[in-house]
Amino acid sequence: MKLRVLTLAAMFAALCAVGAFIKVPVGIGSAALDTVPALISASFLPPVYAGAASLIGHLSSSLYAGFPLGPLHIIIAVEMFVILYVFTKLHQSGHHVWKWIFFIFANSVLATLPFYWIISPAFFAAALPGITLATVLNAAIAMIVSPVVERVMKRVKTHA
C-alpha cells in the first residue's frame, strides 16, 4: 500500500512539473497549469503527498521561468504545500464546495498577501488579478477533469 501511495505521489508530482510548461500569460509575467494535477491528486493521496506534489509543481514552474522572484519562490512553494494540504483535508471531510472556495481565495489573495509587505503594495495590486485568473483557470480545469479521473481510478482499482 505504501508503494502505491509513493508511486501515485511521484506520478502527480511529475504531472505538476509537466503542467509547469503550460504557461498562461497574465498581468506581470505568466502563470502555469502546474496546480491542476495537485488538485486532482487530492482525491487519491494523503494531504502531505498532495501538498508535496504542489510544492514540486511550483518549483518546476518557477525554475522553467528562471526564478523571477528569486528565493521568494521558496515562500510561494511552502504556501502551495499548505494550501493543497488544507484543500485535501477539506476534500476528505466531504466539503466539496468549500474546498474550491478555499483554494481560490487562499491561492489568489492569501498567498499573494505577504508580498504586499515583502515587495510593495503596488506589486500586490499588479499581481493579484493575474494570479486570481490563473487560480480560477487551474481550479476550473481540475473541477472538470477530477470526476473523470476518479471514475477511471475506481474502475482500475488503484485508489491509494
C-alpha atoms as a PDB file:
ATOM      1  CA  MET A   1       0.000   0.000   0.000  1.00  0.00           C
ATOM      2  CA  LYS A   2       2.805   2.425   0.851  1.00  0.00           C
ATOM      3  CA  LEU A   3       4.486   1.787  -2.512  1.00  0.00           C
ATOM      4  CA  ARG A   4       1.225   2.575  -4.310  1.00  0.00           C
ATOM      5  CA  VAL A   5       0.915   5.902  -2.471  1.00  0.00           C
ATOM      6  CA  LEU A   6       4.524   6.829  -3.212  1.00  0.00           C
ATOM      7  CA  THR A   7       4.101   5.882  -6.874  1.00  0.00           C
ATOM      8  CA  LEU A   8       0.928   7.954  -7.216  1.00  0.00           C
ATOM      9  CA  ALA A   9       2.603  10.884  -5.440  1.00  0.00           C
ATOM     10  CA  ALA A  10       5.579  10.699  -7.795  1.00  0.00           C
ATOM     11  CA  MET A  11       3.257  10.491 -10.787  1.00  0.00           C
ATOM     12  CA  PHE A  12       1.231  13.542  -9.729  1.00  0.00           C
ATOM     13  CA  ALA A  13       4.409  15.480  -8.888  1.00  0.00           C
ATOM     14  CA  ALA A  14       5.715  14.672 -12.386  1.00  0.00           C
ATOM     15  CA  LEU A  15       2.414  15.802 -13.901  1.00  0.00           C
ATOM     16  CA  CYS A  16       2.714  19.054 -11.932  1.00  0.00           C
ATOM     17  CA  ALA A  17       6.183  19.533 -13.427  1.00  0.00           C
ATOM     18  CA  VAL A  18       4.765  18.920 -16.912  1.00  0.00           C
ATOM     19  CA  GLY A  19       1.932  21.385 -16.196  1.00  0.00           C
ATOM     20  CA  ALA A  20       4.599  23.954 -15.360  1.00  0.00           C
ATOM     21  CA  PHE A  21       5.456  24.084 -19.059  1.00  0.00           C
ATOM     22  CA  ILE A  22       1.914  25.127 -19.989  1.00  0.00           C
ATOM     23  CA  LYS A  23       2.068  28.885 -19.444  1.00  0.00           C
ATOM     24  CA  VAL A  24      -0.828  31.330 -19.457  1.00  0.00           C
ATOM     25  CA  PRO A  25       0.129  34.988 -19.917  1.00  0.00           C
ATOM     26  CA  VAL A  26      -1.403  37.036 -17.090  1.00  0.00           C
ATOM     27  CA  GLY A  27      -0.562  40.546 -15.976  1.00  0.00           C
ATOM     28  CA  ILE A  28       3.023  40.681 -14.806  1.00  0.00           C
ATOM     29  CA  GLY A  29       4.648  37.546 -16.176  1.00  0.00           C
ATOM     30  CA  SER A  30       2.769  34.317 -16.692  1.00  0.00           C
ATOM     31  CA  ALA A  31       1.083  31.617 -14.694  1.00  0.00           C
ATOM     32  CA  ALA A  32       1.215  27.892 -15.308  1.00  0.00           C
ATOM     33  CA  LEU A  33      -1.131  24.939 -15.088  1.00  0.00           C
ATOM     34  CA  ASP A  34       1.140  23.279 -12.540  1.00  0.00           C
ATOM     35  CA  THR A  35      -1.550  23.102  -9.860  1.00  0.00           C
ATOM     36  CA  VAL A  36      -4.144  21.115 -11.806  1.00  0.00           C
ATOM     37  CA  PRO A  37      -2.571  17.682 -11.158  1.00  0.00           C
ATOM     38  CA  ALA A  38      -2.085  18.515  -7.472  1.00  0.00           C
ATOM     39  CA  LEU A  39      -5.763  19.462  -7.154  1.00  0.00           C
ATOM     40  CA  ILE A  40      -6.747  16.194  -8.811  1.00  0.00           C
ATOM     41  CA  SER A  41      -4.396  14.276  -6.512  1.00  0.00           C
ATOM     42  CA  ALA A  42      -6.465  15.364  -3.506  1.00  0.00           C
ATOM     43  CA  SER A  43      -8.873  12.553  -4.402  1.00  0.00           C
ATOM     44  CA  PHE A  44      -6.183   9.875  -4.247  1.00  0.00           C
ATOM     45  CA  LEU A  45      -3.384  10.954  -1.950  1.00  0.00           C
ATOM     46  CA  PRO A  46      -2.949  11.849   1.716  1.00  0.00           C
ATOM     47  CA  PRO A  47      -2.701  15.617   2.336  1.00  0.00           C
ATOM     48  CA  VAL A  48       1.095  15.650   2.769  1.00  0.00           C
ATOM     49  CA  TYR A  49       1.640  13.973  -0.604  1.00  0.00           C
ATOM     50  CA  ALA A  50      -0.814  16.234  -2.437  1.00  0.00           C
ATOM     51  CA  GLY A  51       0.916  19.248  -0.863  1.00  0.00           C
ATOM     52  CA  ALA A  52       4.315  17.916  -1.898  1.00  0.00           C
ATOM     53  CA  ALA A  53       3.119  17.490  -5.495  1.00  0.00           C
ATOM     54  CA  SER A  54       2.006  21.121  -5.498  1.00  0.00           C
ATOM     55  CA  LEU A  55       5.305  22.285  -3.986  1.00  0.00           C
ATOM     56  CA  ILE A  56       7.240  20.428  -6.686  1.00  0.00           C
ATOM     57  CA  GLY A  57       4.931  21.840  -9.351  1.00  0.00           C
ATOM     58  CA  HIS A  58       5.544  25.425  -8.268  1.00  0.00           C
ATOM     59  CA  LEU A  59       9.308  24.973  -8.024  1.00  0.00           C
ATOM     60  CA  SER A  60       9.308  23.393 -11.508  1.00  0.00           C
ATOM     61  CA  SER A  61       7.266  26.259 -12.905  1.00  0.00           C
ATOM     62  CA  SER A  62       9.461  28.926 -11.359  1.00  0.00           C
ATOM     63  CA  LEU A  63      12.615  27.094 -12.467  1.00  0.00           C
ATOM     64  CA  TYR A  64      11.298  26.978 -16.019  1.00  0.00           C
ATOM     65  CA  ALA A  65      10.574  30.736 -15.840  1.00  0.00           C
ATOM     66  CA  GLY A  66      14.060  31.485 -14.474  1.00  0.00           C
ATOM     67  CA  PHE A  67      13.097  32.179 -10.833  1.00  0.00           C
ATOM     68  CA  PRO A  68      11.915  35.761 -11.495  1.00  0.00           C
ATOM     69  CA  LEU A  69      11.301  36.334  -7.753  1.00  0.00           C
ATOM     70  CA  GLY A  70      14.498  34.598  -6.670  1.00  0.00           C
ATOM     71  CA  PRO A  71      14.402  32.900  -3.267  1.00  0.00           C
ATOM     72  CA  LEU A  72      10.863  34.203  -2.676  1.00  0.00           C
ATOM     73  CA  HIS A  73       9.708  31.218  -4.716  1.00  0.00           C
ATOM     74  CA  ILE A  74      10.509  29.061  -1.690  1.00  0.00           C
ATOM     75  CA  ILE A  75       7.876  31.004   0.261  1.00  0.00           C
ATOM     76  CA  ILE A  76       5.383  30.510  -2.562  1.00  0.00           C
ATOM     77  CA  ALA A  77       6.160  26.787  -2.756  1.00  0.00           C
ATOM     78  CA  VAL A  78       5.552  26.406   1.006  1.00  0.00           C
ATOM     79  CA  GLU A  79       2.302  28.352   0.630  1.00  0.00           C
ATOM     80  CA  MET A  80       1.257  25.983  -2.141  1.00  0.00           C
ATOM     81  CA  PHE A  81       2.062  22.998   0.076  1.00  0.00           C
ATOM     82  CA  VAL A  82      -0.117  24.358   2.900  1.00  0.00           C
ATOM     83  CA  ILE A  83      -2.968  25.310   0.552  1.00  0.00           C
ATOM     84  CA  LEU A  84      -3.084  21.853  -1.034  1.00  0.00           C
ATOM     85  CA  TYR A  85      -2.769  20.203   2.376  1.00  0.00           C
ATOM     86  CA  VAL A  86      -5.875  22.048   3.608  1.00  0.00           C
ATOM     87  CA  PHE A  87      -7.637  21.521   0.257  1.00  0.00           C
ATOM     88  CA  THR A  88      -7.094  17.759   0.560  1.00  0.00           C
ATOM     89  CA  LYS A  89      -8.316  17.753   4.175  1.00  0.00           C
ATOM     90  CA  LEU A  90     -11.480  19.576   3.067  1.00  0.00           C
ATOM     91  CA  HIS A  91     -11.959  17.078   0.237  1.00  0.00           C
ATOM     92  CA  GLN A  92     -11.574  14.127   2.595  1.00  0.00           C
ATOM     93  CA  SER A  93     -14.069  15.710   5.007  1.00  0.00           C
ATOM     94  CA  GLY A  94     -16.666  15.946   2.240  1.00  0.00           C
ATOM     95  CA  HIS A  95     -16.635  19.753   1.964  1.00  0.00           C
ATOM     96  CA  HIS A  96     -16.645  19.686  -1.830  1.00  0.00           C
ATOM     97  CA  VAL A  97     -17.876  23.253  -2.353  1.00  0.00           C
ATOM     98  CA  TRP A  98     -15.801  24.802   0.433  1.00  0.00           C
ATOM     99  CA  LYS A  99     -12.593  23.210  -0.816  1.00  0.00           C
ATOM    100  CA  TRP A 100     -12.886  25.132  -4.104  1.00  0.00           C
ATOM    101  CA  ILE A 101     -13.818  28.398  -2.388  1.00  0.00           C
ATOM    102  CA  PHE A 102     -10.877  27.954  -0.027  1.00  0.00           C
ATOM    103  CA  PHE A 103      -8.465  27.137  -2.848  1.00  0.00           C
ATOM    104  CA  ILE A 104      -9.413  30.122  -4.987  1.00  0.00           C
ATOM    105  CA  PHE A 105      -9.294  32.571  -2.066  1.00  0.00           C
ATOM    106  CA  ALA A 106      -6.149  31.137  -0.481  1.00  0.00           C
ATOM    107  CA  ASN A 107      -4.174  30.743  -3.708  1.00  0.00           C
ATOM    108  CA  SER A 108      -5.039  34.164  -5.040  1.00  0.00           C
ATOM    109  CA  VAL A 109      -5.461  36.543  -2.094  1.00  0.00           C
ATOM    110  CA  LEU A 110      -3.811  34.870   0.910  1.00  0.00           C
ATOM    111  CA  ALA A 111      -0.764  33.563  -0.978  1.00  0.00           C
ATOM    112  CA  THR A 112      -0.164  36.971  -2.573  1.00  0.00           C
ATOM    113  CA  LEU A 113      -0.731  38.980   0.628  1.00  0.00           C
ATOM    114  CA  PRO A 114       2.769  38.562   2.138  1.00  0.00           C
ATOM    115  CA  PHE A 115       4.232  40.240  -0.939  1.00  0.00           C
ATOM    116  CA  TYR A 116       2.280  43.383  -0.040  1.00  0.00           C
ATOM    117  CA  TRP A 117       4.892  43.882   2.699  1.00  0.00           C
ATOM    118  CA  ILE A 118       7.845  41.939   1.262  1.00  0.00           C
ATOM    119  CA  ILE A 119       7.950  43.711  -2.115  1.00  0.00           C
ATOM    120  CA  SER A 120       5.378  46.543  -2.230  1.00  0.00           C
ATOM    121  CA  PRO A 121       1.668  47.323  -2.248  1.00  0.00           C
ATOM    122  CA  ALA A 122       1.980  48.129  -5.959  1.00  0.00           C
ATOM    123  CA  PHE A 123       3.333  44.642  -6.687  1.00  0.00           C
ATOM    124  CA  PHE A 124       0.450  43.095  -4.751  1.00  0.00           C
ATOM    125  CA  ALA A 125      -2.096  45.177  -6.684  1.00  0.00           C
ATOM    126  CA  ALA A 126      -0.472  44.331 -10.014  1.00  0.00           C
ATOM    127  CA  ALA A 127      -0.077  40.618  -9.306  1.00  0.00           C
ATOM    128  CA  LEU A 128      -3.477  39.885  -7.756  1.00  0.00           C
ATOM    129  CA  PRO A 129      -5.656  39.999 -10.917  1.00  0.00           C
ATOM    130  CA  GLY A 130      -3.337  37.728 -12.915  1.00  0.00           C
ATOM    131  CA  ILE A 131      -2.862  35.259 -10.089  1.00  0.00           C
ATOM    132  CA  THR A 132      -6.612  35.168  -9.466  1.00  0.00           C
ATOM    133  CA  LEU A 133      -7.236  34.466 -13.150  1.00  0.00           C
ATOM    134  CA  ALA A 134      -4.638  31.679 -13.173  1.00  0.00           C
ATOM    135  CA  THR A 135      -6.074  30.225  -9.957  1.00  0.00           C
ATOM    136  CA  VAL A 136      -9.597  30.145 -11.356  1.00  0.00           C
ATOM    137  CA  LEU A 137      -8.301  28.560 -14.574  1.00  0.00           C
ATOM    138  CA  ASN A 138      -6.407  25.841 -12.639  1.00  0.00           C
ATOM    139  CA  ALA A 139      -9.474  25.200 -10.447  1.00  0.00           C
ATOM    140  CA  ALA A 140     -11.871  25.073 -13.411  1.00  0.00           C
ATOM    141  CA  ILE A 141      -9.755  22.538 -15.281  1.00  0.00           C
ATOM    142  CA  ALA A 142      -9.371  20.409 -12.142  1.00  0.00           C
ATOM    143  CA  MET A 143     -13.135  20.574 -11.468  1.00  0.00           C
ATOM    144  CA  ILE A 144     -13.834  19.248 -14.954  1.00  0.00           C
ATOM    145  CA  VAL A 145     -11.128  16.581 -15.014  1.00  0.00           C
ATOM    146  CA  SER A 146     -11.326  15.287 -11.404  1.00  0.00           C
ATOM    147  CA  PRO A 147     -14.613  13.360 -11.677  1.00  0.00           C
ATOM    148  CA  VAL A 148     -13.418  11.618 -14.835  1.00  0.00           C
ATOM    149  CA  VAL A 149     -10.086  10.634 -13.285  1.00  0.00           C
ATOM    150  CA  GLU A 150     -11.838   9.436 -10.121  1.00  0.00           C
ATOM    151  CA  ARG A 151     -14.145   7.161 -12.163  1.00  0.00           C
ATOM    152  CA  VAL A 152     -11.198   5.718 -14.068  1.00  0.00           C
ATOM    153  CA  MET A 153      -9.208   5.123 -10.881  1.00  0.00           C
ATOM    154  CA  LYS A 154     -12.181   3.319  -9.296  1.00  0.00           C
ATOM    155  CA  ARG A 155     -12.541   1.096 -12.348  1.00  0.00           C
ATOM    156  CA  VAL A 156      -8.899   0.032 -12.331  1.00  0.00           C
ATOM    157  CA  LYS A 157      -8.875  -0.158  -8.518  1.00  0.00           C
ATOM    158  CA  THR A 158      -5.693   1.845  -7.996  1.00  0.00           C
ATOM    159  CA  HIS A 159      -7.016   4.064  -5.243  1.00  0.00           C
ATOM    160  CA  ALA A 160      -4.280   4.830  -2.702  1.00  0.00           C
END
